[in-house]
Protein backbone atom coordinates (compact mmCIF):
# COMPACT_ATOMS: atom_id res chain seq x y z
CA MET A 1 5.08 -3.89 24.49
CA ALA A 2 4.66 -4.72 20.83
CA ASP A 3 3.25 -8.09 19.87
CA PRO A 4 6.03 -9.79 17.86
CA HIS A 5 3.40 -11.66 15.83
CA GLY A 6 0.90 -8.82 15.42
CA TRP A 7 0.51 -6.58 12.41
CA TYR A 8 0.81 -2.80 12.65
CA TYR A 9 0.24 0.12 10.33
CA CYS A 10 3.22 2.51 10.28
CA LEU A 11 2.11 6.13 9.92
CA THR A 12 5.62 7.23 8.94
CA HIS A 13 6.12 4.76 6.10
CA ARG A 14 2.41 4.33 5.30
CA THR A 15 2.68 0.58 5.15
CA SER A 16 1.89 -2.48 7.21
CA GLU A 17 4.63 -4.23 9.15
CA GLN A 18 4.72 -7.30 11.34
CA GLY A 19 6.24 -7.51 14.78
CA LEU A 20 8.84 -5.12 16.09
CA GLY A 21 9.40 -2.24 13.72
CA CYS A 22 9.03 1.49 13.91
CA ARG A 23 8.46 3.16 17.25
CA GLY A 24 5.08 2.64 18.87
CA ALA A 25 4.04 6.29 18.64
CA ASP A 26 4.22 6.01 14.85
CA ARG A 27 2.14 2.85 14.56
CA MET A 28 -1.46 1.72 14.86
CA GLY A 29 -2.31 -1.76 16.05
CA PRO A 30 -1.78 -4.55 16.65
CA TYR A 31 -4.12 -6.11 14.12
CA PRO A 32 -4.69 -9.84 13.59
CA ASP A 33 -3.45 -9.91 10.00
CA ARG A 34 -1.90 -7.80 7.25
CA ALA A 35 -5.18 -7.16 5.45
CA THR A 36 -6.67 -5.61 8.58
CA ALA A 37 -3.53 -3.55 9.23
CA ASP A 38 -3.73 -2.28 5.64
CA ARG A 39 -7.20 -0.91 6.50
CA ALA A 40 -6.05 0.79 9.74
CA LEU A 41 -6.84 4.34 8.61
CA GLU A 42 -10.25 3.30 7.28
CA ILE A 43 -11.02 1.50 10.56
CA ALA A 44 -9.96 4.53 12.61
CA ARG A 45 -12.04 6.86 10.44
CA GLN A 46 -15.12 4.64 10.88
CA ARG A 47 -14.62 4.43 14.65
CA THR A 48 -14.34 8.21 14.84
CA GLU A 49 -17.53 8.67 12.81
CA ASN A 50 -19.36 6.20 15.07
CA ALA A 51 -18.13 7.93 18.23
CA ASP A 52 -19.11 11.35 16.85
CA ALA A 53 -22.60 10.06 16.01
CA ALA A 54 -22.97 8.60 19.51
CA ASP A 55 -21.87 11.90 21.06
CA GLU A 56 -24.33 13.80 18.91
CA ALA A 57 -27.17 11.46 19.86
CA GLU A 58 -26.31 11.84 23.55
CA ASP A 59 -26.24 15.64 23.24
CA GLU A 60 -29.66 15.61 21.54
CA TRP A 61 -31.07 13.38 24.28
CA LYS A 62 -29.67 15.62 27.05
CA ASN A 63 -30.96 18.80 25.39
CA GLY A 64 -34.39 17.34 24.79
């Protein structure tokens, strides 16, 4: 269930919105504030890069 006080980034409208808004499948969040929601795509990109680097390091360790 959506947090009525949380901030979300809407992928459809490419904007931040607070509380209930667009359907959940089209949103990222919740985030603690609007500024963080505005950075949702940047945050997701950084998390993906970090996960990819961790996977690569694990593969290198396993393969010697």
